[in-house]
Amino acid sequence: AGEFAFADLPLGLYGISVKAPGFEILRISSVRVSTGAIYNLPVKL
């Protein structure tokens, strides 16, 4: 269904990279992981 999840990450800023065959690699920087929160990151390739 295209879903992904990273649970229980240490706090801080994260760089996200997404790659799939036939698509350009997508890079997103400075995604903040905060205490007890799940950051929703929709990705369009």
Full PDB file with SEQRES, HELIX, SHEET, SSBOND, CRYST1, ORIGX, SCALE, CONECT and MASTER records, all heavy atoms in Angstrom:
SEQRES   1 A   45  ALA GLY GLU PHE ALA PHE ALA ASP LEU PRO LEU GLY LEU          
SEQRES   2 A   45  TYR GLY ILE SER VAL LYS ALA PRO GLY PHE GLU ILE LEU          
SEQRES   3 A   45  ARG ILE SER SER VAL ARG VAL SER THR GLY ALA ILE TYR          
SEQRES   4 A   45  ASN LEU PRO VAL LYS LEU                                      
SHEET    1 AA1 2 GLY A  12  VAL A  18  0                                        
SHEET    2 AA1 2 LEU A  26  VAL A  33 -1                                        
CRYST1    1.000    1.000    1.000  90.00  90.00  90.00 P 1           1          
ORIGX1      1.000000  0.000000  0.000000        0.00000                         
ORIGX2      0.000000  1.000000  0.000000        0.00000                         
ORIGX3      0.000000  0.000000  1.000000        0.00000                         
SCALE1      1.000000  0.000000  0.000000        0.00000                         
SCALE2      0.000000  1.000000  0.000000        0.00000                         
SCALE3      0.000000  0.000000  1.000000        0.00000                         
ATOM      1  N   ALA A   1       0.823  -1.211   0.000  1.00  0.00           N  
ATOM      2  CA  ALA A   1       0.000   0.000   0.000  1.00  0.00           C  
ATOM      3  C   ALA A   1       0.860   1.264   0.000  1.00  0.00           C  
ATOM      4  O   ALA A   1       0.345   2.375   0.118  1.00  0.00           O  
ATOM      5  CB  ALA A   1      -0.932   0.005   1.205  1.00  0.00           C  
ATOM      6  N   GLY A   2       2.194   1.108  -0.095  1.00  0.00           N  
ATOM      7  CA  GLY A   2       3.106   2.249  -0.122  1.00  0.00           C  
ATOM      8  C   GLY A   2       3.466   2.793   1.249  1.00  0.00           C  
ATOM      9  O   GLY A   2       4.204   3.768   1.357  1.00  0.00           O  
ATOM     10  N   GLU A   3       2.982   2.171   2.312  1.00  0.00           N  
ATOM     11  CA  GLU A   3       3.196   2.690   3.662  1.00  0.00           C  
ATOM     12  C   GLU A   3       4.578   2.324   4.207  1.00  0.00           C  
ATOM     13  O   GLU A   3       5.096   1.242   3.926  1.00  0.00           O  
ATOM     14  CB  GLU A   3       2.130   2.139   4.608  1.00  0.00           C  
ATOM     15  CG  GLU A   3       0.731   2.527   4.199  1.00  0.00           C  
ATOM     16  CD  GLU A   3      -0.341   1.756   4.935  1.00  0.00           C  
ATOM     17  OE1 GLU A   3      -0.080   0.584   5.331  1.00  0.00           O  
ATOM     18  OE2 GLU A   3      -1.430   2.300   5.112  1.00  0.00           O  
ATOM     19  N   PHE A   4       5.152   3.236   4.973  1.00  0.00           N  
ATOM     20  CA  PHE A   4       6.404   2.974   5.672  1.00  0.00           C  
ATOM     21  C   PHE A   4       6.331   3.612   7.044  1.00  0.00           C  
ATOM     22  O   PHE A   4       5.538   4.528   7.270  1.00  0.00           O  
ATOM     23  CB  PHE A   4       7.622   3.515   4.895  1.00  0.00           C  
ATOM     24  CG  PHE A   4       7.686   5.019   4.847  1.00  0.00           C  
ATOM     25  CD1 PHE A   4       8.392   5.727   5.807  1.00  0.00           C  
ATOM     26  CD2 PHE A   4       7.048   5.721   3.846  1.00  0.00           C  
ATOM     27  CE1 PHE A   4       8.448   7.119   5.771  1.00  0.00           C  
ATOM     28  CE2 PHE A   4       7.094   7.108   3.795  1.00  0.00           C  
ATOM     29  CZ  PHE A   4       7.802   7.806   4.756  1.00  0.00           C  
ATOM     30  N   ALA A   5       7.151   3.114   7.961  1.00  0.00           N  
ATOM     31  CA  ALA A   5       7.168   3.688   9.307  1.00  0.00           C  
ATOM     32  C   ALA A   5       8.507   3.420   9.978  1.00  0.00           C  
ATOM     33  O   ALA A   5       9.086   2.339   9.837  1.00  0.00           O  
ATOM     34  CB  ALA A   5       6.045   3.096  10.156  1.00  0.00           C  
ATOM     35  N   PHE A   6       8.981   4.435  10.667  1.00  0.00           N  
ATOM     36  CA  PHE A   6      10.141   4.324  11.546  1.00  0.00           C  
ATOM     37  C   PHE A   6       9.631   4.673  12.933  1.00  0.00           C  
ATOM     38  O   PHE A   6       9.264   5.821  13.192  1.00  0.00           O  
ATOM     39  CB  PHE A   6      11.250   5.302  11.155  1.00  0.00           C  
ATOM     40  CG  PHE A   6      11.841   5.041   9.799  1.00  0.00           C  
ATOM     41  CD1 PHE A   6      11.472   5.798   8.708  1.00  0.00           C  
ATOM     42  CD2 PHE A   6      12.766   4.032   9.623  1.00  0.00           C  
ATOM     43  CE1 PHE A   6      12.013   5.564   7.461  1.00  0.00           C  
ATOM     44  CE2 PHE A   6      13.321   3.781   8.381  1.00  0.00           C  
ATOM     45  CZ  PHE A   6      12.940   4.554   7.285  1.00  0.00           C  
ATOM     46  N   ALA A   7       9.575   3.701  13.810  1.00  0.00           N  
ATOM     47  CA  ALA A   7       9.102   3.939  15.173  1.00  0.00           C  
ATOM     48  C   ALA A   7      10.299   3.970  16.113  1.00  0.00           C  
ATOM     49  O   ALA A   7      11.351   3.400  15.819  1.00  0.00           O  
ATOM     50  CB  ALA A   7       8.137   2.836  15.585  1.00  0.00           C  
ATOM     51  N   ASP A   8      10.130   4.641  17.223  1.00  0.00           N  
ATOM     52  CA  ASP A   8      11.124   4.625  18.295  1.00  0.00           C  
ATOM     53  C   ASP A   8      12.493   5.163  17.861  1.00  0.00           C  
ATOM     54  O   ASP A   8      13.524   4.590  18.172  1.00  0.00           O  
ATOM     55  CB  ASP A   8      11.245   3.204  18.851  1.00  0.00           C  
ATOM     56  CG  ASP A   8      11.745   3.183  20.287  1.00  0.00           C  
ATOM     57  OD1 ASP A   8      11.478   4.157  21.009  1.00  0.00           O  
ATOM     58  OD2 ASP A   8      12.407   2.207  20.675  1.00  0.00           O  
ATOM     59  N   LEU A   9      12.474   6.276  17.113  1.00  0.00           N  
ATOM     60  CA  LEU A   9      13.715   6.921  16.696  1.00  0.00           C  
ATOM     61  C   LEU A   9      14.207   7.879  17.771  1.00  0.00           C  
ATOM     62  O   LEU A   9      13.397   8.564  18.410  1.00  0.00           O  
ATOM     63  CB  LEU A   9      13.499   7.729  15.411  1.00  0.00           C  
ATOM     64  CG  LEU A   9      13.186   6.976  14.132  1.00  0.00           C  
ATOM     65  CD1 LEU A   9      12.851   7.963  13.017  1.00  0.00           C  
ATOM     66  CD2 LEU A   9      14.358   6.097  13.741  1.00  0.00           C  
ATOM     67  N   PRO A  10      15.523   7.974  17.950  1.00  0.00           N  
ATOM     68  CA  PRO A  10      16.052   9.012  18.843  1.00  0.00           C  
ATOM     69  C   PRO A  10      15.676  10.401  18.308  1.00  0.00           C  
ATOM     70  O   PRO A  10      15.538  10.596  17.094  1.00  0.00           O  
ATOM     71  CB  PRO A  10      17.570   8.796  18.781  1.00  0.00           C  
ATOM     72  CG  PRO A  10      17.738   7.378  18.359  1.00  0.00           C  
ATOM     73  CD  PRO A  10      16.583   7.093  17.447  1.00  0.00           C  
ATOM     74  N   LEU A  11      15.521  11.352  19.199  1.00  0.00           N  
ATOM     75  CA  LEU A  11      15.124  12.706  18.813  1.00  0.00           C  
ATOM     76  C   LEU A  11      16.193  13.358  17.954  1.00  0.00           C  
ATOM     77  O   LEU A  11      17.376  13.052  18.067  1.00  0.00           O  
ATOM     78  CB  LEU A  11      14.872  13.555  20.060  1.00  0.00           C  
ATOM     79  CG  LEU A  11      13.855  12.997  21.048  1.00  0.00           C  
ATOM     80  CD1 LEU A  11      13.690  13.944  22.215  1.00  0.00           C  
ATOM     81  CD2 LEU A  11      12.527  12.718  20.381  1.00  0.00           C  
ATOM     82  N   GLY A  12      15.752  14.270  17.081  1.00  0.00           N  
ATOM     83  CA  GLY A  12      16.698  14.998  16.252  1.00  0.00           C  
ATOM     84  C   GLY A  12      16.171  15.247  14.859  1.00  0.00           C  
ATOM     85  O   GLY A  12      15.001  15.012  14.563  1.00  0.00           O  
ATOM     86  N   LEU A  13      17.060  15.736  14.000  1.00  0.00           N  
ATOM     87  CA  LEU A  13      16.731  15.988  12.607  1.00  0.00           C  
ATOM     88  C   LEU A  13      17.209  14.818  11.758  1.00  0.00           C  
ATOM     89  O   LEU A  13      18.305  14.299  11.966  1.00  0.00           O  
ATOM     90  CB  LEU A  13      17.388  17.280  12.121  1.00  0.00           C  
ATOM     91  CG  LEU A  13      16.913  18.562  12.790  1.00  0.00           C  
ATOM     92  CD1 LEU A  13      17.719  19.752  12.290  1.00  0.00           C  
ATOM     93  CD2 LEU A  13      15.430  18.783  12.546  1.00  0.00           C  
ATOM     94  N   TYR A  14      16.375  14.425  10.801  1.00  0.00           N  
ATOM     95  CA  TYR A  14      16.684  13.288   9.946  1.00  0.00           C  
ATOM     96  C   TYR A  14      16.619  13.676   8.480  1.00  0.00           C  
ATOM     97  O   TYR A  14      15.764  14.467   8.067  1.00  0.00           O  
ATOM     98  CB  TYR A  14      15.693  12.132  10.196  1.00  0.00           C  
ATOM     99  CG  TYR A  14      15.973  11.415  11.486  1.00  0.00           C  
ATOM    100  CD1 TYR A  14      15.566  11.948  12.698  1.00  0.00           C  
ATOM    101  CD2 TYR A  14      16.675  10.220  11.503  1.00  0.00           C  
ATOM    102  CE1 TYR A  14      15.847  11.310  13.896  1.00  0.00           C  
ATOM    103  CE2 TYR A  14      16.956   9.569  12.694  1.00  0.00           C  
ATOM    104  CZ  TYR A  14      16.543  10.122  13.882  1.00  0.00           C  
ATOM    105  OH  TYR A  14      16.833   9.483  15.054  1.00  0.00           O  
ATOM    106  N   GLY A  15      17.523  13.102   7.704  1.00  0.00           N  
ATOM    107  CA  GLY A  15      17.452  13.173   6.260  1.00  0.00           C  
ATOM    108  C   GLY A  15      16.778  11.912   5.770  1.00  0.00           C  
ATOM    109  O   GLY A  15      17.103  10.810   6.228  1.00  0.00           O  
ATOM    110  N   ILE A  16      15.819  12.055   4.877  1.00  0.00           N  
ATOM    111  CA  ILE A  16      15.073  10.914   4.351  1.00  0.00           C  
ATOM    112  C   ILE A  16      15.422  10.758   2.877  1.00  0.00           C  
ATOM    113  O   ILE A  16      15.424  11.739   2.131  1.00  0.00           O  
ATOM    114  CB  ILE A  16      13.550  11.123   4.495  1.00  0.00           C  
ATOM    115  CG1 ILE A  16      13.169  11.475   5.938  1.00  0.00           C  
ATOM    116  CG2 ILE A  16      12.778   9.913   3.989  1.00  0.00           C  
ATOM    117  CD1 ILE A  16      13.476  10.413   6.948  1.00  0.00           C  
ATOM    118  N   SER A  17      15.715   9.531   2.460  1.00  0.00           N  
ATOM    119  CA  SER A  17      15.899   9.254   1.037  1.00  0.00           C  
ATOM    120  C   SER A  17      14.972   8.111   0.658  1.00  0.00           C  
ATOM    121  O   SER A  17      14.784   7.166   1.440  1.00  0.00           O  
ATOM    122  CB  SER A  17      17.349   8.919   0.701  1.00  0.00           C  
ATOM    123  OG  SER A  17      17.726   7.699   1.274  1.00  0.00           O  
ATOM    124  N   VAL A  18      14.378   8.232  -0.524  1.00  0.00           N  
ATOM    125  CA  VAL A  18      13.442   7.222  -1.006  1.00  0.00           C  
ATOM    126  C   VAL A  18      13.830   6.882  -2.436  1.00  0.00           C  
ATOM    127  O   VAL A  18      13.976   7.781  -3.273  1.00  0.00           O  
ATOM    128  CB  VAL A  18      11.983   7.740  -0.967  1.00  0.00           C  
ATOM    129  CG1 VAL A  18      11.023   6.651  -1.412  1.00  0.00           C  
ATOM    130  CG2 VAL A  18      11.623   8.247   0.421  1.00  0.00           C  
ATOM    131  N   LYS A  19      13.996   5.584  -2.697  1.00  0.00           N  
ATOM    132  CA  LYS A  19      14.292   5.185  -4.065  1.00  0.00           C  
ATOM    133  C   LYS A  19      13.527   3.926  -4.419  1.00  0.00           C  
ATOM    134  O   LYS A  19      13.281   3.062  -3.561  1.00  0.00           O  
ATOM    135  CB  LYS A  19      15.785   5.026  -4.298  1.00  0.00           C  
ATOM    136  CG  LYS A  19      16.449   3.858  -3.647  1.00  0.00           C  
ATOM    137  CD  LYS A  19      17.925   3.821  -4.029  1.00  0.00           C  
ATOM    138  CE  LYS A  19      18.614   2.601  -3.466  1.00  0.00           C  
ATOM    139  NZ  LYS A  19      20.004   2.507  -3.912  1.00  0.00           N  
ATOM    140  N   ALA A  20      13.126   3.875  -5.681  1.00  0.00           N  
ATOM    141  CA  ALA A  20      12.408   2.729  -6.218  1.00  0.00           C  
ATOM    142  C   ALA A  20      12.769   2.627  -7.696  1.00  0.00           C  
ATOM    143  O   ALA A  20      13.014   3.658  -8.347  1.00  0.00           O  
ATOM    144  CB  ALA A  20      10.900   2.907  -6.033  1.00  0.00           C  
ATOM    145  N   PRO A  21      12.810   1.413  -8.228  1.00  0.00           N  
ATOM    146  CA  PRO A  21      13.138   1.249  -9.642  1.00  0.00           C  
ATOM    147  C   PRO A  21      12.187   2.042 -10.548  1.00  0.00           C  
ATOM    148  O   PRO A  21      10.978   2.037 -10.344  1.00  0.00           O  
ATOM    149  CB  PRO A  21      12.972  -0.255  -9.880  1.00  0.00           C  
ATOM    150  CG  PRO A  21      13.115  -0.872  -8.524  1.00  0.00           C  
ATOM    151  CD  PRO A  21      12.576   0.141  -7.568  1.00  0.00           C  
ATOM    152  N   GLY A  22      12.774   2.758 -11.510  1.00  0.00           N  
ATOM    153  CA  GLY A  22      11.974   3.533 -12.455  1.00  0.00           C  
ATOM    154  C   GLY A  22      11.639   4.939 -11.986  1.00  0.00           C  
ATOM    155  O   GLY A  22      11.007   5.698 -12.707  1.00  0.00           O  
ATOM    156  N   PHE A  23      12.056   5.287 -10.756  1.00  0.00           N  
ATOM    157  CA  PHE A  23      11.751   6.603 -10.197  1.00  0.00           C  
ATOM    158  C   PHE A  23      13.038   7.331  -9.820  1.00  0.00           C  
ATOM    159  O   PHE A  23      14.056   6.708  -9.527  1.00  0.00           O  
ATOM    160  CB  PHE A  23      10.872   6.483  -8.944  1.00  0.00           C  
ATOM    161  CG  PHE A  23       9.500   5.956  -9.223  1.00  0.00           C  
ATOM    162  CD1 PHE A  23       9.220   4.606  -9.092  1.00  0.00           C  
ATOM    163  CD2 PHE A  23       8.489   6.816  -9.618  1.00  0.00           C  
ATOM    164  CE1 PHE A  23       7.965   4.110  -9.342  1.00  0.00           C  
ATOM    165  CE2 PHE A  23       7.215   6.329  -9.874  1.00  0.00           C  
ATOM    166  CZ  PHE A  23       6.948   4.972  -9.745  1.00  0.00           C  
ATOM    167  N   GLU A  24      12.985   8.651  -9.825  1.00  0.00           N  
ATOM    168  CA  GLU A  24      14.111   9.447  -9.349  1.00  0.00           C  
ATOM    169  C   GLU A  24      14.229   9.299  -7.838  1.00  0.00           C  
ATOM    170  O   GLU A  24      13.221   9.150  -7.141  1.00  0.00           O  
ATOM    171  CB  GLU A  24      13.915  10.920  -9.707  1.00  0.00           C  
ATOM    172  CG  GLU A  24      13.986  11.202 -11.194  1.00  0.00           C  
ATOM    173  CD  GLU A  24      13.831  12.678 -11.519  1.00  0.00           C  
ATOM    174  OE1 GLU A  24      13.792  13.526 -10.596  1.00  0.00           O  
ATOM    175  OE2 GLU A  24      13.739  12.979 -12.718  1.00  0.00           O  
ATOM    176  N   ILE A  25      15.449   9.345  -7.336  1.00  0.00           N  
ATOM    177  CA  ILE A  25      15.667   9.292  -5.885  1.00  0.00           C  
ATOM    178  C   ILE A  25      15.200  10.608  -5.282  1.00  0.00           C  
ATOM    179  O   ILE A  25      15.530  11.691  -5.795  1.00  0.00           O  
ATOM    180  CB  ILE A  25      17.142   9.041  -5.555  1.00  0.00           C  
ATOM    181  CG1 ILE A  25      17.576   7.663  -6.079  1.00  0.00           C  
ATOM    182  CG2 ILE A  25      17.377   9.134  -4.042  1.00  0.00           C  
ATOM    183  CD1 ILE A  25      19.062   7.390  -5.946  1.00  0.00           C  
ATOM    184  N   LEU A  26      14.427  10.530  -4.230  1.00  0.00           N  
ATOM    185  CA  LEU A  26      13.936  11.723  -3.536  1.00  0.00           C  
ATOM    186  C   LEU A  26      14.672  11.863  -2.217  1.00  0.00           C  
ATOM    187  O   LEU A  26      14.793  10.887  -1.464  1.00  0.00           O  
ATOM    188  CB  LEU A  26      12.432  11.606  -3.276  1.00  0.00           C  
ATOM    189  CG  LEU A  26      11.789  12.762  -2.514  1.00  0.00           C  
ATOM    190  CD1 LEU A  26      11.829  14.044  -3.355  1.00  0.00           C  
ATOM    191  CD2 LEU A  26      10.363  12.427  -2.135  1.00  0.00           C  
ATOM    192  N   ARG A  27      15.181  13.060  -1.961  1.00  0.00           N  
ATOM    193  CA  ARG A  27      15.863  13.346  -0.687  1.00  0.00           C  
ATOM    194  C   ARG A  27      15.164  14.515  -0.002  1.00  0.00           C  
ATOM    195  O   ARG A  27      14.911  15.540  -0.629  1.00  0.00           O  
ATOM    196  CB  ARG A  27      17.332  13.662  -0.944  1.00  0.00           C  
ATOM    197  CG  ARG A  27      18.131  12.455  -1.382  1.00  0.00           C  
ATOM    198  CD  ARG A  27      19.618  12.775  -1.533  1.00  0.00           C  
ATOM    199  NE  ARG A  27      20.383  11.586  -1.821  1.00  0.00           N  
ATOM    200  CZ  ARG A  27      20.547  11.082  -3.048  1.00  0.00           C  
ATOM    201  NH1 ARG A  27      19.974  11.676  -4.074  1.00  0.00           N  
ATOM    202  NH2 ARG A  27      21.275   9.997  -3.227  1.00  0.00           N  
ATOM    203  N   ILE A  28      14.909  14.318   1.276  1.00  0.00           N  
ATOM    204  CA  ILE A  28      14.272  15.350   2.099  1.00  0.00           C  
ATOM    205  C   ILE A  28      15.150  15.539   3.323  1.00  0.00           C  
ATOM    206  O   ILE A  28      15.514  14.567   3.988  1.00  0.00           O  
ATOM    207  CB  ILE A  28      12.848  14.929   2.524  1.00  0.00           C  
ATOM    208  CG1 ILE A  28      11.995  14.621   1.293  1.00  0.00           C  
ATOM    209  CG2 ILE A  28      12.199  16.000   3.394  1.00  0.00           C  
ATOM    210  CD1 ILE A  28      10.710  13.889   1.601  1.00  0.00           C  
ATOM    211  N   SER A  29      15.502  16.789   3.633  1.00  0.00           N  
ATOM    212  CA  SER A  29      16.368  17.027   4.794  1.00  0.00           C  
ATOM    213  C   SER A  29      15.599  17.684   5.925  1.00  0.00           C  
ATOM    214  O   SER A  29      14.509  18.227   5.728  1.00  0.00           O  
ATOM    215  CB  SER A  29      17.569  17.892   4.401  1.00  0.00           C  
ATOM    216  OG  SER A  29      17.133  19.137   3.926  1.00  0.00           O  
ATOM    217  N   SER A  30      16.169  17.604   7.094  1.00  0.00           N  
ATOM    218  CA  SER A  30      15.691  18.283   8.303  1.00  0.00           C  
ATOM    219  C   SER A  30      14.268  17.911   8.717  1.00  0.00           C  
ATOM    220  O   SER A  30      13.474  18.770   9.082  1.00  0.00           O  
ATOM    221  CB  SER A  30      15.821  19.797   8.141  1.00  0.00           C  
ATOM    222  OG  SER A  30      17.161  20.150   7.901  1.00  0.00           O  
ATOM    223  N   VAL A  31      13.966  16.628   8.692  1.00  0.00           N  
ATOM    224  CA  VAL A  31      12.680  16.153   9.213  1.00  0.00           C  
ATOM    225  C   VAL A  31      12.864  15.968  10.710  1.00  0.00           C  
ATOM    226  O   VAL A  31      13.691  15.184  11.154  1.00  0.00           O  
ATOM    227  CB  VAL A  31      12.247  14.832   8.537  1.00  0.00           C  
ATOM    228  CG1 VAL A  31      10.971  14.301   9.176  1.00  0.00           C  
ATOM    229  CG2 VAL A  31      12.083  15.030   7.042  1.00  0.00           C  
ATOM    230  N   ARG A  32      12.099  16.708  11.500  1.00  0.00           N  
ATOM    231  CA  ARG A  32      12.280  16.708  12.959  1.00  0.00           C  
ATOM    232  C   ARG A  32      11.498  15.583  13.624  1.00  0.00           C  
ATOM    233  O   ARG A  32      10.297  15.434  13.419  1.00  0.00           O  
ATOM    234  CB  ARG A  32      11.847  18.034  13.557  1.00  0.00           C  
ATOM    235  CG  ARG A  32      12.060  18.090  15.081  1.00  0.00           C  
ATOM    236  CD  ARG A  32      11.832  19.454  15.669  1.00  0.00           C  
ATOM    237  NE  ARG A  32      12.701  20.469  15.108  1.00  0.00           N  
ATOM    238  CZ  ARG A  32      13.987  20.653  15.438  1.00  0.00           C  
ATOM    239  NH1 ARG A  32      14.549  19.859  16.327  1.00  0.00           N  
ATOM    240  NH2 ARG A  32      14.698  21.608  14.879  1.00  0.00           N  
ATOM    241  N   VAL A  33      12.215  14.799  14.431  1.00  0.00           N  
ATOM    242  CA  VAL A  33      11.588  13.785  15.277  1.00  0.00           C  
ATOM    243  C   VAL A  33      11.508  14.372  16.678  1.00  0.00           C  
ATOM    244  O   VAL A  33      12.523  14.728  17.268  1.00  0.00           O  
ATOM    245  CB  VAL A  33      12.405  12.467  15.268  1.00  0.00           C  
ATOM    246  CG1 VAL A  33      11.861  11.502  16.306  1.00  0.00           C  
ATOM    247  CG2 VAL A  33      12.382  11.846  13.884  1.00  0.00           C  
ATOM    248  N   SER A  34      10.277  14.502  17.174  1.00  0.00           N  
ATOM    249  CA  SER A  34      10.013  15.121  18.470  1.00  0.00           C  
ATOM    250  C   SER A  34       9.519  14.079  19.467  1.00  0.00           C  
ATOM    251  O   SER A  34       8.990  13.037  19.085  1.00  0.00           O  
ATOM    252  CB  SER A  34       8.956  16.220  18.327  1.00  0.00           C  
ATOM    253  OG  SER A  34       9.385  17.194  17.413  1.00  0.00           O  
ATOM    254  N   THR A  35       9.604  14.411  20.720  1.00  0.00           N  
ATOM    255  CA  THR A  35       9.218  13.524  21.811  1.00  0.00           C  
ATOM    256  C   THR A  35       7.783  13.033  21.672  1.00  0.00           C  
ATOM    257  O   THR A  35       6.855  13.832  21.609  1.00  0.00           O  
ATOM    258  CB  THR A  35       9.368  14.244  23.165  1.00  0.00           C  
ATOM    259  OG1 THR A  35      10.707  14.685  23.299  1.00  0.00           O  
ATOM    260  CG2 THR A  35       9.007  13.335  24.324  1.00  0.00           C  
ATOM    261  N   GLY A  36       7.622  11.722  21.594  1.00  0.00           N  
ATOM    262  CA  GLY A  36       6.306  11.094  21.592  1.00  0.00           C  
ATOM    263  C   GLY A  36       5.459  11.368  20.372  1.00  0.00           C  
ATOM    264  O   GLY A  36       4.286  11.032  20.356  1.00  0.00           O  
ATOM    265  N   ALA A  37       6.012  11.960  19.317  1.00  0.00           N  
ATOM    266  CA  ALA A  37       5.226  12.318  18.132  1.00  0.00           C  
ATOM    267  C   ALA A  37       5.638  11.470  16.928  1.00  0.00           C  
ATOM    268  O   ALA A  37       6.780  11.050  16.814  1.00  0.00           O  
ATOM    269  CB  ALA A  37       5.414  13.796  17.805  1.00  0.00           C  
ATOM    270  N   ILE A  38       4.682  11.242  16.040  1.00  0.00           N  
ATOM    271  CA  ILE A  38       4.943  10.575  14.772  1.00  0.00           C  
ATOM    272  C   ILE A  38       4.765  11.621  13.672  1.00  0.00           C  
ATOM    273  O   ILE A  38       3.680  12.164  13.492  1.00  0.00           O  
ATOM    274  CB  ILE A  38       3.972   9.400  14.519  1.00  0.00           C  
ATOM    275  CG1 ILE A  38       4.016   8.391  15.668  1.00  0.00           C  
ATOM    276  CG2 ILE A  38       4.271   8.740  13.181  1.00  0.00           C  
ATOM    277  CD1 ILE A  38       5.331   7.683  15.838  1.00  0.00           C  
ATOM    278  N   TYR A  39       5.840  11.928  12.977  1.00  0.00           N  
ATOM    279  CA  TYR A  39       5.794  12.912  11.895  1.00  0.00           C  
ATOM    280  C   TYR A  39       5.257  12.223  10.650  1.00  0.00           C  
ATOM    281  O   TYR A  39       5.781  11.199  10.218  1.00  0.00           O  
ATOM    282  CB  TYR A  39       7.201  13.467  11.636  1.00  0.00           C  
ATOM    283  CG  TYR A  39       7.227  14.578  10.619  1.00  0.00           C  
ATOM    284  CD1 TYR A  39       7.052  15.896  11.016  1.00  0.00           C  
ATOM    285  CD2 TYR A  39       7.422  14.315   9.276  1.00  0.00           C  
ATOM    286  CE1 TYR A  39       7.072  16.927  10.089  1.00  0.00           C  
ATOM    287  CE2 TYR A  39       7.438  15.334   8.341  1.00  0.00           C  
ATOM    288  CZ  TYR A  39       7.266  16.633   8.757  1.00  0.00           C  
ATOM    289  OH  TYR A  39       7.279  17.648   7.831  1.00  0.00           O  
ATOM    290  N   ASN A  40       4.194  12.769  10.051  1.00  0.00           N  
ATOM    291  CA  ASN A  40       3.598  12.213   8.843  1.00  0.00           C  
ATOM    292  C   ASN A  40       4.282  12.824   7.632  1.00  0.00           C  
ATOM    293  O   ASN A  40       4.230  14.033   7.433  1.00  0.00           O  
ATOM    294  CB  ASN A  40       2.090  12.487   8.815  1.00  0.00           C  
ATOM    295  CG  ASN A  40       1.448  11.864   7.602  1.00  0.00           C  
ATOM    296  OD1 ASN A  40       1.901  10.843   7.082  1.00  0.00           O  
ATOM    297  ND2 ASN A  40       0.382  12.476   7.122  1.00  0.00           N  
ATOM    298  N   LEU A  41       4.917  11.984   6.816  1.00  0.00           N  
ATOM    299  CA  LEU A  41       5.690  12.451   5.676  1.00  0.00           C  
ATOM    300  C   LEU A  41       5.179  11.796   4.395  1.00  0.00           C  
ATOM    301  O   LEU A  41       5.590  10.691   4.041  1.00  0.00           O  
ATOM    302  CB  LEU A  41       7.174  12.111   5.882  1.00  0.00           C  
ATOM    303  CG  LEU A  41       8.122  12.571   4.798  1.00  0.00           C  
ATOM    304  CD1 LEU A  41       8.220  14.095   4.778  1.00  0.00           C  
ATOM    305  CD2 LEU A  41       9.490  11.968   5.020  1.00  0.00           C  
ATOM    306  N   PRO A  42       4.262  12.467   3.685  1.00  0.00           N  
ATOM    307  CA  PRO A  42       3.835  11.913   2.400  1.00  0.00           C  
ATOM    308  C   PRO A  42       4.957  12.079   1.380  1.00  0.00           C  
ATOM    309  O   PRO A  42       5.613  13.113   1.330  1.00  0.00           O  
ATOM    310  CB  PRO A  42       2.611  12.757   2.035  1.00  0.00           C  
ATOM    311  CG  PRO A  42       2.740  14.008   2.827  1.00  0.00           C  
ATOM    312  CD  PRO A  42       3.585  13.697   4.030  1.00  0.00           C  
ATOM    313  N   VAL A  43       5.200  11.033   0.584  1.00  0.00           N  
ATOM    314  CA  VAL A  43       6.298  11.041  -0.380  1.00  0.00           C  
ATOM    315  C   VAL A  43       5.727  10.811  -1.776  1.00  0.00           C  
ATOM    316  O   VAL A  43       5.024   9.818  -1.998  1.00  0.00           O  
ATOM    317  CB  VAL A  43       7.325   9.936  -0.047  1.00  0.00           C  
ATOM    318  CG1 VAL A  43       8.395   9.853  -1.112  1.00  0.00           C  
ATOM    319  CG2 VAL A  43       7.930  10.172   1.323  1.00  0.00           C  
ATOM    320  N   LYS A  44       6.027  11.724  -2.703  1.00  0.00           N  
ATOM    321  CA  LYS A  44       5.583  11.581  -4.085  1.00  0.00           C  
ATOM    322  C   LYS A  44       6.817  11.470  -4.973  1.00  0.00           C  
ATOM    323  O   LYS A  44       7.620  12.395  -5.038  1.00  0.00           O  
ATOM    324  CB  LYS A  44       4.724  12.771  -4.517  1.00  0.00           C  
ATOM    325  CG  LYS A  44       4.113  12.583  -5.898  1.00  0.00           C  
ATOM    326  CD  LYS A  44       3.188  13.717  -6.257  1.00  0.00           C  
ATOM    327  CE  LYS A  44       1.895  13.528  -5.487  1.00  0.00           C  
ATOM    328  NZ  LYS A  44       0.814  14.401  -5.943  1.00  0.00           N  
ATOM    329  N   LEU A  45       6.963  10.323  -5.653  1.00  0.00           N  
ATOM    330  CA  LEU A  45       8.112  10.086  -6.507  1.00  0.00           C  
ATOM    331  C   LEU A  45       7.797  10.476  -7.954  1.00  0.00           C  
ATOM    332  O   LEU A  45       6.680  10.328  -8.423  1.00  0.00           O  
ATOM    333  CB  LEU A  45       8.512   8.609  -6.472  1.00  0.00           C  
ATOM    334  CG  LEU A  45       8.967   8.064  -5.113  1.00  0.00           C  
ATOM    335  CD1 LEU A  45       9.315   6.587  -5.242  1.00  0.00           C  
ATOM    336  CD2 LEU A  45      10.141   8.835  -4.580  1.00  0.00           C  
TER     337      LEU A  45                                                      
MASTER        0    0    0    0    2    0    0    6  336    1    0    4          
END                                                                             
